[in-house]
């Protein structure tokens, strides 16, 4: 027992006393290990190691002496950047797979992109840790300040330059559906605060404070975790959700990205969609009920609205009371030729287009190129889609079927953004996500994308219908429970009933504002406390 106690006490010292390249290496390694809490691994327990180690490294590196705020920020920013770089490199390396789809054109860019994205995203982590370091102390409140700093900068990352909230720290508990239910109360960024605060708390066991105070802090964190998990368990345990009078068929054709835009395969791909649409009913489908067929993002390899024959054939493939919702590229005359949009179409039984949504949030370097003239001079152009970039839609909008079922379409990575219903005129019956993750093969990317889309269902209390070209397609209820799904690169169909929506959630009513206000106030109060302490010292 004495040996074990000695070994446990030696662990914090490894990080407290590390300096130079050792500290930098340890910090990046802790960040990289943190990414294993994300799908498809879902090793949430690693957070009990990595976040306390980050706290210990800050304890050993940050000088709490009065008048050294700039130095503290620089130290915290450096450690936070290293932690973030390791985290995003380990969690987003799979993005490089997209550069191998057209390897003859883009393979040379892969190492730059794989490294450049973590370099940029880690700036936000550095900023959050640097902000916390300004007000660092040997008190328990440093844990709350760290959680507040990373919450604020996670939110910034989701908004600055169109935003990229992929793998926010709150997704570290996405492997636990019961804990994830807290998103219905506080959203993704509230989960970020919770994850950092709870899993960092064990670091106080190494503090030079009375044993009872240290244990009390850890017990409080354990109680908070148990309370959140208990709330989620009760929410999931409540009566099973009823179903709506709408049947859903999701078509997952599993078409390789290298084949998708080959002209000689155009007719074959289109016929594959028609054949799968007309296949006999299966699963939970009911004969004679209103039905919606869903195809994935940019499903057909041509401009749908310029092919009246294709629309006619689609109409023929749809049965009575059946409509198709599909992703497709559309074109409009523009000032400099045609303008292209990544869109969702609602098509009726006679092949008539009944509604269109144009994607609002475009993927940088995938669907448009920022600073295009400069970057094209360096040989960088679009990495996705056959067109010369897309135009952004005006705003999110709810579409309605002829049977009066309303849904909010989200194309591809639009599903990773919290606050999905912001700017929407009315609350829909369900969310609909069409995507094409074929670019990323059998990497963690599609699993992470599914988990993040699922959290939108929990946040809003709305079921989610998800159609992905190569997977992972799924029907998810308003609590985030997967009703049915198809495995990655599995060609197949999902026939399911549409789950009912829940009443609006607390997060749906108040959004991110409460969590942002609380995080901001924690930082402000920490600043006041330090100012008073420094004044007494001087």
Protein backbone atom coordinates (compact mmCIF):
# COMPACT_ATOMS: atom_id res chain seq x y z
CA UNK A 1 0.00 0.00 0.00
CA UNK A 2 2.85 2.36 0.85
CA UNK A 3 4.48 1.53 -2.52
CA UNK A 4 1.24 2.34 -4.35
CA UNK A 5 0.86 5.64 -2.49
CA UNK A 6 4.42 6.55 -3.41
CA UNK A 7 3.83 5.76 -7.08
CA UNK A 8 0.63 7.83 -7.18
CA UNK A 9 2.34 10.82 -5.59
CA UNK A 10 5.18 10.54 -8.09
CA UNK A 11 2.84 10.92 -11.08
CA UNK A 12 1.96 14.60 -10.48
CA UNK A 13 5.63 15.40 -9.93
CA UNK A 14 6.43 14.03 -13.38
CA UNK A 15 4.33 16.83 -14.87
CA UNK A 16 4.90 19.50 -12.20
CA UNK A 17 8.67 19.28 -12.54
CA UNK A 18 8.91 18.65 -16.27
CA UNK A 19 10.49 21.51 -18.23
CA UNK A 20 11.85 22.32 -21.68
CA UNK A 21 11.29 19.78 -24.41
CA UNK A 22 10.02 17.21 -21.90
CA UNK A 23 7.15 19.46 -20.84
CA UNK A 24 6.31 20.29 -24.46
CA UNK A 25 6.33 16.64 -25.48
CA UNK A 26 4.20 15.60 -22.50
CA UNK A 27 1.68 18.35 -23.21
CA UNK A 28 1.27 17.37 -26.89
CA UNK A 29 1.07 13.69 -25.92
CA UNK A 30 -1.70 14.41 -23.39
CA UNK A 31 -3.64 16.27 -26.09
CA UNK A 32 -3.21 13.37 -28.51
CA UNK A 33 -4.40 10.89 -25.89
CA UNK A 34 -7.47 13.04 -25.19
CA UNK A 35 -8.72 12.42 -28.75
CA UNK A 36 -9.26 8.76 -27.87
CA UNK A 37 -12.31 9.83 -25.86
CA UNK A 38 -13.95 10.57 -29.23
CA UNK A 39 -15.67 8.08 -31.57
CA UNK A 40 -15.03 5.45 -32.70
CA UNK A 41 -12.93 4.68 -29.59
CA UNK A 42 -15.08 6.37 -26.90
CA UNK A 43 -12.42 5.81 -24.21
CA UNK A 44 -13.90 8.49 -21.94
CA UNK A 45 -11.76 7.37 -19.01
CA UNK A 46 -8.63 8.86 -20.66
CA UNK A 47 -9.97 12.28 -19.69
CA UNK A 48 -9.31 11.34 -16.06
CA UNK A 49 -5.62 11.27 -16.96
CA UNK A 50 -5.11 13.94 -19.61
CA UNK A 51 -6.92 16.93 -18.11
CA UNK A 52 -5.35 16.53 -14.63
CA UNK A 53 -1.95 16.26 -16.33
CA UNK A 54 -2.62 19.53 -18.14
CA UNK A 55 -3.46 21.16 -14.80
CA UNK A 56 -0.27 19.81 -13.24
CA UNK A 57 1.85 21.12 -16.10
CA UNK A 58 0.28 24.54 -15.65
CA UNK A 59 0.91 24.31 -11.91
CA UNK A 60 4.57 23.65 -12.58
CA UNK A 61 5.02 26.26 -15.31
CA UNK A 62 2.85 29.27 -14.41
CA UNK A 63 4.40 31.83 -12.08
CA UNK A 64 1.63 33.14 -9.78
CA UNK A 65 3.69 36.15 -8.65
CA UNK A 66 1.92 39.55 -8.94
CA UNK A 67 2.57 41.63 -12.04
CA UNK A 68 3.37 38.73 -14.36
CA UNK A 69 0.08 38.46 -16.25
CA UNK A 70 1.66 38.67 -19.71
CA UNK A 71 4.22 36.01 -18.83
CA UNK A 72 1.49 33.78 -17.40
CA UNK A 73 -0.59 34.18 -20.56
CA UNK A 74 2.37 33.33 -22.79
CA UNK A 75 3.15 30.23 -20.75
CA UNK A 76 -0.47 29.10 -20.70
CA UNK A 77 -0.93 29.82 -24.40
CA UNK A 78 2.15 27.77 -25.31
CA UNK A 79 1.05 24.78 -23.23
CA UNK A 80 -2.54 25.08 -24.43
CA UNK A 81 -1.44 25.26 -28.06
CA UNK A 82 0.69 22.13 -27.67
CA UNK A 83 -2.19 20.31 -25.97
CA UNK A 84 -4.57 21.43 -28.72
CA UNK A 85 -2.14 20.55 -31.51
CA UNK A 86 -1.80 17.00 -30.19
CA UNK A 87 -5.56 16.75 -29.72
CA UNK A 88 -6.52 17.93 -33.21
CA UNK A 89 -3.72 16.06 -34.95
CA UNK A 90 -4.79 12.83 -33.27
CA UNK A 91 -8.50 13.53 -33.77
CA UNK A 92 -8.46 14.90 -37.33
CA UNK A 93 -5.61 13.09 -39.13
CA UNK A 94 -8.23 11.28 -41.23
CA UNK A 95 -8.93 14.47 -43.20
CA UNK A 96 -5.86 13.54 -45.22
CA UNK A 97 -7.82 10.66 -46.76
CA UNK A 98 -9.75 13.16 -48.90
CA UNK A 99 -6.53 14.14 -50.66
CA UNK A 100 -6.01 10.56 -51.84
CA UNK A 101 -9.31 10.32 -53.74
CA UNK A 102 -7.70 12.25 -56.59
CA UNK A 103 -4.16 11.47 -55.54
CA UNK A 104 -2.61 12.56 -58.84
CA UNK A 105 -3.83 16.13 -58.17
CA UNK A 106 -3.88 16.51 -54.41
CA UNK A 107 -1.67 13.92 -52.69
CA UNK A 108 1.18 16.42 -52.40
CA UNK A 109 -1.07 18.68 -50.32
CA UNK A 110 -2.00 15.99 -47.79
CA UNK A 111 0.84 16.48 -45.25
CA UNK A 112 0.35 20.26 -45.33
CA UNK A 113 -3.40 20.01 -44.72
CA UNK A 114 -3.09 17.35 -42.02
CA UNK A 115 -0.66 19.59 -40.11
CA UNK A 116 -2.10 23.00 -40.99
CA UNK A 117 -5.55 22.36 -39.55
CA UNK A 118 -4.30 21.31 -36.08
CA UNK A 119 -1.91 24.28 -36.09
CA UNK A 120 -4.79 26.68 -36.67
CA UNK A 121 -7.38 25.03 -34.42
CA UNK A 122 -4.89 24.75 -31.57
CA UNK A 123 -4.73 28.55 -31.45
CA UNK A 124 -8.17 28.52 -29.84
CA UNK A 125 -7.11 25.95 -27.26
CA UNK A 126 -4.01 28.02 -26.57
CA UNK A 127 -6.15 31.11 -26.10
CA UNK A 128 -8.46 29.33 -23.66
CA UNK A 129 -5.62 27.91 -21.55
CA UNK A 130 -3.73 31.22 -21.75
CA UNK A 131 -6.80 33.05 -20.45
CA UNK A 132 -7.03 30.62 -17.54
CA UNK A 133 -3.29 30.98 -16.84
CA UNK A 134 -3.65 34.74 -16.34
CA UNK A 135 -5.73 34.00 -13.24
CA UNK A 136 -3.95 30.81 -12.19
CA UNK A 137 -3.56 29.99 -8.52
CA UNK A 138 -3.09 27.06 -6.18
CA UNK A 139 -6.80 27.09 -5.30
CA UNK A 140 -9.56 24.84 -6.61
CA UNK A 141 -11.04 27.74 -8.57
CA UNK A 142 -8.30 27.31 -11.20
CA UNK A 143 -10.20 24.21 -12.38
CA UNK A 144 -13.34 26.28 -12.98
CA UNK A 145 -11.35 29.02 -14.69
CA UNK A 146 -9.76 26.46 -17.03
CA UNK A 147 -13.20 25.02 -17.83
CA UNK A 148 -14.58 28.52 -18.47
CA UNK A 149 -11.64 29.50 -20.69
CA UNK A 150 -11.89 26.39 -22.86
CA UNK A 151 -15.68 26.74 -23.07
CA UNK A 152 -15.43 30.32 -24.33
CA UNK A 153 -12.77 29.47 -26.91
CA UNK A 154 -14.60 26.31 -28.05
CA UNK A 155 -17.57 28.60 -28.73
CA UNK A 156 -15.29 31.04 -30.59
CA UNK A 157 -13.92 28.19 -32.70
CA UNK A 158 -17.48 27.37 -33.68
CA UNK A 159 -18.11 30.90 -34.96
CA UNK A 160 -14.92 32.59 -36.18
CA UNK A 161 -14.40 32.49 -39.99
CA UNK A 162 -17.67 30.55 -40.54
CA UNK A 163 -16.78 28.29 -37.60
CA UNK A 164 -15.50 24.74 -37.19
CA UNK A 165 -16.76 23.21 -33.91
CA UNK A 166 -15.68 19.70 -34.90
CA UNK A 167 -14.48 17.68 -31.88
CA UNK A 168 -15.30 20.31 -29.27
CA UNK A 169 -14.23 18.97 -25.87
CA UNK A 170 -17.87 18.32 -24.98
CA UNK A 171 -17.87 15.42 -27.44
CA UNK A 172 -15.53 13.60 -25.08
CA UNK A 173 -18.60 12.05 -23.40
CA UNK A 174 -20.43 11.21 -26.64
CA UNK A 175 -19.76 7.53 -25.96
CA UNK A 176 -22.16 7.77 -22.99
CA UNK A 177 -25.71 8.38 -24.16
CA UNK A 178 -26.88 8.99 -20.58
CA UNK A 179 -24.30 11.73 -19.90
CA UNK A 180 -24.92 13.22 -23.35
CA UNK A 181 -28.55 13.87 -22.36
CA UNK A 182 -27.25 16.95 -20.53
CA UNK A 183 -27.02 18.58 -23.98
CA UNK A 184 -30.80 18.96 -23.81
CA UNK A 185 -30.18 21.37 -20.90
CA UNK A 186 -26.91 23.13 -21.71
CA UNK A 187 -25.95 22.17 -25.28
CA UNK A 188 -22.54 21.22 -26.62
CA UNK A 189 -20.62 24.06 -24.97
CA UNK A 190 -22.22 23.31 -21.64
CA UNK A 191 -20.89 19.77 -22.05
CA UNK A 192 -17.45 21.24 -22.74
CA UNK A 193 -17.55 23.11 -19.41
CA UNK A 194 -18.78 19.99 -17.63
CA UNK A 195 -16.14 17.70 -19.18
CA UNK A 196 -13.19 19.97 -18.41
CA UNK A 197 -14.37 20.84 -14.88
CA UNK A 198 -15.28 17.31 -13.78
CA UNK A 199 -12.38 15.41 -15.31
CA UNK A 200 -9.75 17.97 -14.27
CA UNK A 201 -10.76 17.97 -10.62
CA UNK A 202 -8.70 14.95 -9.60
CA UNK A 203 -5.63 17.14 -10.13
CA UNK A 204 -6.34 18.80 -6.75
CA UNK A 205 -5.32 15.56 -5.01
CA UNK A 206 -1.73 16.72 -5.53
CA UNK A 207 -2.37 20.16 -4.00
CA UNK A 208 -0.63 21.23 -0.80
CA UNK A 209 -3.93 21.60 1.04
CA UNK A 210 -5.65 19.69 3.85
CA UNK A 211 -6.60 16.19 2.81
CA UNK A 212 -10.28 16.75 3.61
CA UNK A 213 -10.51 19.73 1.24
CA UNK A 214 -8.91 17.78 -1.60
CA UNK A 215 -11.19 14.80 -1.15
CA UNK A 216 -14.24 17.05 -0.86
CA UNK A 217 -13.46 18.59 -4.26
CA UNK A 218 -13.08 15.17 -5.91
CA UNK A 219 -16.25 13.87 -4.27
CA UNK A 220 -18.14 16.95 -5.48
CA UNK A 221 -16.99 16.25 -9.05
CA UNK A 222 -18.01 12.60 -8.74
CA UNK A 223 -21.43 13.62 -7.45
CA UNK A 224 -21.84 16.05 -10.37
CA UNK A 225 -20.97 13.28 -12.83
CA UNK A 226 -23.37 10.87 -11.13
CA UNK A 227 -26.14 13.49 -11.10
CA UNK A 228 -25.75 14.18 -14.82
CA UNK A 229 -25.62 10.48 -15.66
CA UNK A 230 -28.65 9.91 -13.42
CA UNK A 231 -30.62 12.65 -15.17
CA UNK A 232 -29.75 11.08 -18.53
CA UNK A 233 -30.70 7.60 -17.36
CA UNK A 234 -34.10 8.83 -16.16
CA UNK A 235 -34.66 10.72 -19.42
CA UNK A 236 -33.84 7.58 -21.44
CA UNK A 237 -35.89 5.36 -19.12
CA UNK A 238 -39.07 7.34 -19.60
CA UNK A 239 -41.78 5.85 -21.80
CA UNK A 240 -40.74 4.95 -25.32
CA UNK A 241 -41.48 7.61 -27.88
CA UNK A 242 -44.53 7.09 -30.12
CA UNK A 243 -44.14 7.23 -33.89
CA UNK A 244 -45.54 9.65 -36.44
CA UNK A 245 -47.72 8.68 -39.39
CA UNK A 246 -44.80 8.82 -41.79
CA UNK A 247 -42.63 5.98 -43.03
CA UNK A 248 -39.00 6.67 -43.91
CA UNK A 249 -36.84 4.85 -46.45
CA UNK A 250 -33.15 5.78 -46.40
CA UNK A 251 -31.11 4.75 -49.45
CA UNK A 252 -27.40 4.09 -48.84
CA UNK A 253 -25.91 3.15 -52.25
CA UNK A 254 -22.27 2.95 -51.06
CA UNK A 255 -20.77 4.43 -54.22
CA UNK A 256 -17.00 4.90 -54.10
CA UNK A 257 -16.00 8.54 -54.40
CA UNK A 258 -13.59 7.72 -57.23
CA UNK A 259 -16.53 6.39 -59.28
CA UNK A 260 -19.16 8.97 -58.41
CA UNK A 261 -18.38 11.49 -61.15
CA UNK A 262 -17.17 9.17 -63.91
CA UNK A 263 -19.33 9.98 -66.98
CA UNK A 264 -19.52 6.36 -68.11
CA UNK A 265 -21.09 5.36 -64.76
CA UNK A 266 -23.70 8.13 -64.68
CA UNK A 267 -26.66 6.07 -65.87
CA UNK A 268 -25.67 3.07 -63.76
CA UNK A 269 -25.52 5.17 -60.59
CA UNK A 270 -28.87 6.78 -61.30
CA UNK A 271 -30.45 3.40 -61.98
CA UNK A 272 -29.04 2.10 -58.69
CA UNK A 273 -30.96 4.81 -56.82
CA UNK A 274 -34.16 4.08 -58.73
CA UNK A 275 -33.91 0.33 -58.14
CA UNK A 276 -33.29 0.80 -54.41
CA UNK A 277 -36.18 3.26 -54.20
CA UNK A 278 -38.55 0.73 -55.82
CA UNK A 279 -37.38 -2.26 -53.75
CA UNK A 280 -40.09 -4.07 -51.71
CA UNK A 281 -40.92 -2.63 -48.31
CA UNK A 282 -39.06 -3.98 -45.33
CA UNK A 283 -38.36 -3.20 -41.70
CA UNK A 284 -41.10 -1.23 -39.97
CA UNK A 285 -42.66 0.21 -43.16
CA UNK A 286 -46.43 0.05 -43.54
CA UNK A 287 -48.34 -0.37 -46.82
CA UNK A 288 -50.51 2.60 -47.73
CA UNK A 289 -48.90 5.01 -45.25
CA UNK A 290 -47.36 8.33 -46.36
CA UNK A 291 -43.70 7.69 -47.11
CA UNK A 292 -40.55 9.70 -47.57
CA UNK A 293 -37.56 8.31 -49.48
CA UNK A 294 -34.22 9.96 -48.66
CA UNK A 295 -31.16 9.94 -50.90
CA UNK A 296 -27.78 11.27 -49.67
CA UNK A 297 -25.91 14.48 -50.48
CA UNK A 298 -25.35 15.25 -54.21
CA UNK A 299 -26.79 11.82 -54.94
CA UNK A 300 -27.06 11.93 -58.72
CA UNK A 301 -23.97 12.78 -60.82
CA UNK A 302 -25.67 15.44 -62.94
CA UNK A 303 -27.72 18.64 -62.59
CA UNK A 304 -31.13 17.35 -61.60
CA UNK A 305 -33.17 20.37 -62.66
CA UNK A 306 -31.65 20.27 -66.14
CA UNK A 307 -32.74 16.67 -66.67
CA UNK A 308 -36.57 16.59 -67.01
CA UNK A 309 -36.31 12.98 -68.11
CA UNK A 310 -34.61 12.12 -64.82
CA UNK A 311 -37.31 13.89 -62.81
CA UNK A 312 -39.97 11.95 -64.75
CA UNK A 313 -38.25 8.64 -63.97
CA UNK A 314 -37.99 9.59 -60.30
CA UNK A 315 -41.71 10.33 -60.26
CA UNK A 316 -42.41 6.91 -61.78
CA UNK A 317 -40.31 5.18 -59.12
CA UNK A 318 -42.27 6.79 -56.26
CA UNK A 319 -45.46 5.10 -55.15
CA UNK A 320 -48.67 6.69 -53.99
CA UNK A 321 -48.26 9.16 -51.08
CA UNK A 322 -44.48 8.99 -51.52
CA UNK A 323 -42.01 11.85 -51.88
CA UNK A 324 -38.28 11.94 -52.43
CA UNK A 325 -35.88 14.14 -50.49
CA UNK A 326 -32.46 14.14 -52.11
CA UNK A 327 -29.25 16.04 -52.10
CA UNK A 328 -28.35 17.37 -55.56
CA UNK A 329 -26.31 20.08 -57.23
CA UNK A 330 -28.29 22.80 -58.94
CA UNK A 331 -27.32 25.71 -61.17
CA UNK A 332 -28.67 29.20 -61.73
CA UNK A 333 -27.56 31.82 -64.28
CA UNK A 334 -25.10 34.23 -62.69
CA UNK A 335 -23.21 37.37 -63.60
CA UNK A 336 -20.14 35.32 -64.54
CA UNK A 337 -21.85 32.26 -65.99
CA UNK A 338 -23.60 29.66 -63.87
CA UNK A 339 -23.76 29.75 -60.07
CA UNK A 340 -23.82 26.33 -58.44
CA UNK A 341 -25.50 25.36 -55.17
CA UNK A 342 -25.28 22.27 -52.98
CA UNK A 343 -28.98 21.69 -52.37
CA UNK A 344 -31.75 19.51 -51.01
CA UNK A 345 -34.81 18.88 -53.20
CA UNK A 346 -38.29 17.69 -52.28
CA UNK A 347 -39.74 15.85 -55.31
CA UNK A 348 -43.34 14.67 -55.61
CA UNK A 349 -44.89 11.62 -57.22
CA UNK A 350 -45.14 13.29 -60.64
CA UNK A 351 -41.49 14.34 -60.63
CA UNK A 352 -42.31 17.92 -59.65
CA UNK A 353 -39.91 19.88 -57.45
CA UNK A 354 -41.90 20.97 -54.40
CA UNK A 355 -39.18 22.61 -52.33
CA UNK A 356 -35.47 23.47 -52.38
CA UNK A 357 -32.92 24.33 -49.70
CA UNK A 358 -29.44 25.63 -50.58
CA UNK A 359 -26.59 24.84 -48.20
CA UNK A 360 -25.69 27.87 -46.09
CA UNK A 361 -22.46 26.74 -44.39
CA UNK A 362 -19.98 25.74 -47.09
CA UNK A 363 -16.85 23.71 -46.39
CA UNK A 364 -13.71 25.84 -46.79
CA UNK A 365 -11.40 24.37 -49.46
CA UNK A 366 -14.02 21.69 -50.17
CA UNK A 367 -16.91 23.72 -51.55
CA UNK A 368 -15.30 27.11 -51.87
CA UNK A 369 -11.77 28.48 -51.67
CA UNK A 370 -11.13 31.44 -49.36
CA UNK A 371 -8.76 33.99 -50.90
CA UNK A 372 -9.19 32.08 -54.15
CA UNK A 373 -6.94 34.15 -56.49
CA UNK A 374 -4.00 33.93 -54.09
CA UNK A 375 -4.36 30.23 -53.36
CA UNK A 376 -4.99 29.23 -56.97
CA UNK A 377 -1.65 30.82 -57.84
CA UNK A 378 -0.19 28.24 -55.43
CA UNK A 379 -2.06 25.40 -57.12
CA UNK A 380 -4.79 25.00 -54.50
CA UNK A 381 -8.34 24.54 -55.80
CA UNK A 382 -11.54 22.79 -54.71
CA UNK A 383 -11.10 19.37 -53.19
CA UNK A 384 -14.74 18.26 -53.47
CA UNK A 385 -17.40 18.38 -56.14
CA UNK A 386 -17.16 18.63 -59.89
CA UNK A 387 -17.99 22.33 -60.11
CA UNK A 388 -15.82 25.39 -59.73
CA UNK A 389 -17.00 26.06 -56.20
CA UNK A 390 -20.46 26.62 -54.73
CA UNK A 391 -22.45 29.66 -53.73
CA UNK A 392 -23.89 29.78 -50.21
CA UNK A 393 -27.61 29.76 -49.59
CA UNK A 394 -29.29 32.69 -47.90
CA UNK A 395 -30.41 31.15 -44.60
CA UNK A 396 -31.62 27.88 -43.02
CA UNK A 397 -35.21 27.06 -43.86
CA UNK A 398 -37.79 24.48 -42.92
CA UNK A 399 -39.22 22.40 -45.78
CA UNK A 400 -42.64 20.77 -45.71
CA UNK A 401 -43.95 17.63 -47.40
CA UNK A 402 -47.36 17.36 -49.02
CA UNK A 403 -48.51 15.47 -45.91
CA UNK A 404 -47.61 18.53 -43.79
CA UNK A 405 -44.54 17.01 -42.13
CA UNK A 406 -41.88 19.68 -41.69
CA UNK A 407 -38.13 19.14 -41.44
CA UNK A 408 -34.94 21.16 -41.22
CA UNK A 409 -32.41 20.03 -43.85
CA UNK A 410 -28.74 20.01 -42.89
CA UNK A 411 -26.25 19.20 -45.63
CA UNK A 412 -23.02 17.42 -44.68
CA UNK A 413 -21.15 19.22 -41.91
CA UNK A 414 -23.97 21.67 -41.20
CA UNK A 415 -25.03 19.00 -38.71
CA UNK A 416 -21.98 19.66 -36.50
CA UNK A 417 -23.13 23.17 -35.54
CA UNK A 418 -25.05 23.63 -32.27
CA UNK A 419 -28.03 25.94 -32.32
CA UNK A 420 -29.42 24.24 -35.41
CA UNK A 421 -32.77 26.00 -35.07
CA UNK A 422 -31.32 29.52 -34.80
CA UNK A 423 -32.94 31.75 -37.40
CA UNK A 424 -35.60 29.18 -38.27
CA UNK A 425 -39.15 30.54 -38.33
CA UNK A 426 -40.77 27.51 -36.67
CA UNK A 427 -39.83 24.30 -34.92
CA UNK A 428 -39.98 21.39 -37.39
CA UNK A 429 -41.09 17.80 -36.86
CA UNK A 430 -37.61 16.40 -37.44
CA UNK A 431 -34.05 17.09 -38.58
CA UNK A 432 -32.74 15.68 -41.87
CA UNK A 433 -29.03 15.31 -42.57
CA UNK A 434 -27.80 14.26 -46.02
CA UNK A 435 -24.07 13.77 -46.40
CA UNK A 436 -21.30 12.09 -48.36
CA UNK A 437 -18.49 10.86 -46.11
CA UNK A 438 -17.04 8.63 -48.84
CA UNK A 439 -14.09 11.04 -49.02
CA UNK A 440 -12.79 9.75 -45.68
CA UNK A 441 -13.02 5.99 -46.16
CA UNK A 442 -12.95 3.71 -43.11
CA UNK A 443 -11.41 6.30 -40.81
CA UNK A 444 -12.77 7.81 -37.56
CA UNK A 445 -14.28 10.70 -39.56
CA UNK A 446 -17.70 9.17 -40.39
CA UNK A 447 -18.10 7.93 -36.80
CA UNK A 448 -17.32 11.37 -35.39
CA UNK A 449 -19.72 12.96 -37.87
CA UNK A 450 -22.55 10.64 -36.81
CA UNK A 451 -21.96 11.31 -33.10
CA UNK A 452 -22.03 15.06 -33.63
CA UNK A 453 -25.21 14.90 -35.71
CA UNK A 454 -26.79 12.74 -33.00
CA UNK A 455 -26.12 15.44 -30.40
CA UNK A 456 -28.25 17.85 -32.47
CA UNK A 457 -31.22 15.53 -31.86
CA UNK A 458 -30.59 15.58 -28.10
CA UNK A 459 -30.12 19.36 -28.03
CA UNK A 460 -33.34 20.08 -29.92
CA UNK A 461 -35.56 17.19 -28.83
CA UNK A 462 -36.14 16.37 -32.50
CA UNK A 463 -35.61 13.03 -34.27
CA UNK A 464 -32.89 12.90 -36.91
CA UNK A 465 -33.03 11.17 -40.29
CA UNK A 466 -29.54 10.73 -41.76
CA UNK A 467 -28.70 9.52 -45.27
CA UNK A 468 -25.01 9.04 -46.08
CA UNK A 469 -23.64 7.78 -49.38
CA UNK A 470 -21.26 5.24 -47.84
CA UNK A 471 -22.55 5.47 -44.27
CA UNK A 472 -23.27 5.85 -41.55
CA UNK A 473 -26.99 6.28 -42.33
CA UNK A 474 -29.36 6.16 -39.38
CA UNK A 475 -32.74 6.94 -37.88
CA UNK A 476 -32.23 8.56 -34.46
CA UNK A 477 -35.00 9.45 -32.02
CA UNK A 478 -35.35 12.71 -30.10
CA UNK A 479 -33.25 11.34 -27.19
CA UNK A 480 -30.35 10.41 -29.44
CA UNK A 481 -31.12 6.69 -29.42
CA UNK A 482 -30.31 4.95 -32.71
CA UNK A 483 -33.48 3.28 -33.95
CA UNK A 484 -31.88 1.81 -37.09
CA UNK A 485 -28.61 2.25 -38.96
CA UNK A 486 -26.45 0.87 -41.76
CA UNK A 487 -22.77 0.14 -41.29
CA UNK A 488 -20.11 2.07 -43.11
CA UNK A 489 -19.71 0.99 -46.77
CA UNK A 490 -22.76 -1.24 -46.50
CA UNK A 491 -25.11 -0.98 -49.48
CA UNK A 492 -28.65 -1.17 -48.21
CA UNK A 493 -31.94 0.36 -47.14
CA UNK A 494 -33.47 1.48 -43.87
CA UNK A 495 -37.26 1.24 -43.69
CA UNK A 496 -38.42 2.81 -40.45
CA UNK A 497 -41.17 4.81 -38.86
CA UNK A 498 -40.47 8.46 -38.06
CA UNK A 499 -40.04 8.89 -34.27
CA UNK A 500 -42.10 11.62 -32.64
CA UNK A 501 -40.50 14.84 -31.51
CA UNK A 502 -40.35 15.89 -27.85
CA UNK A 503 -41.37 19.19 -26.35
CA UNK A 504 -38.83 21.95 -26.79
CA UNK A 505 -35.73 21.47 -24.62
CA UNK A 506 -34.22 23.93 -22.16
CA UNK A 507 -31.32 24.38 -24.56
CA UNK A 508 -33.75 24.89 -27.41
CA UNK A 509 -35.31 27.78 -25.49
CA UNK A 510 -32.22 29.54 -24.12
CA UNK A 511 -29.42 28.36 -26.40
CA UNK A 512 -25.77 28.96 -25.49
CA UNK A 513 -26.34 32.23 -23.63
CA UNK A 514 -26.53 30.86 -20.04
CA UNK A 515 -23.34 28.82 -20.38
CA UNK A 516 -21.46 31.71 -22.00
CA UNK A 517 -22.60 34.14 -19.30
CA UNK A 518 -21.59 31.77 -16.49
CA UNK A 519 -18.18 31.12 -18.09
CA UNK A 520 -17.61 34.84 -18.57
CA UNK A 521 -18.58 35.61 -14.96
CA UNK A 522 -16.21 32.93 -13.65
CA UNK A 523 -13.34 34.58 -15.52
CA UNK A 524 -14.39 38.06 -14.31
CA UNK A 525 -14.66 36.98 -10.67
CA UNK A 526 -11.28 35.23 -10.91
CA UNK A 527 -9.85 38.50 -12.22
CA UNK A 528 -11.34 40.48 -9.33
CA UNK A 529 -10.04 37.96 -6.80
CA UNK A 530 -6.54 38.09 -8.21
CA UNK A 531 -6.57 41.88 -8.40
CA UNK A 532 -7.50 42.08 -4.71
CA UNK A 533 -4.87 39.50 -3.81
CA UNK A 534 -2.17 41.33 -5.75
CA UNK A 535 -3.20 44.64 -4.13
CA UNK A 536 -2.78 43.11 -0.65
CA UNK A 537 0.64 41.74 -1.58
CA UNK A 538 1.79 45.11 -2.87
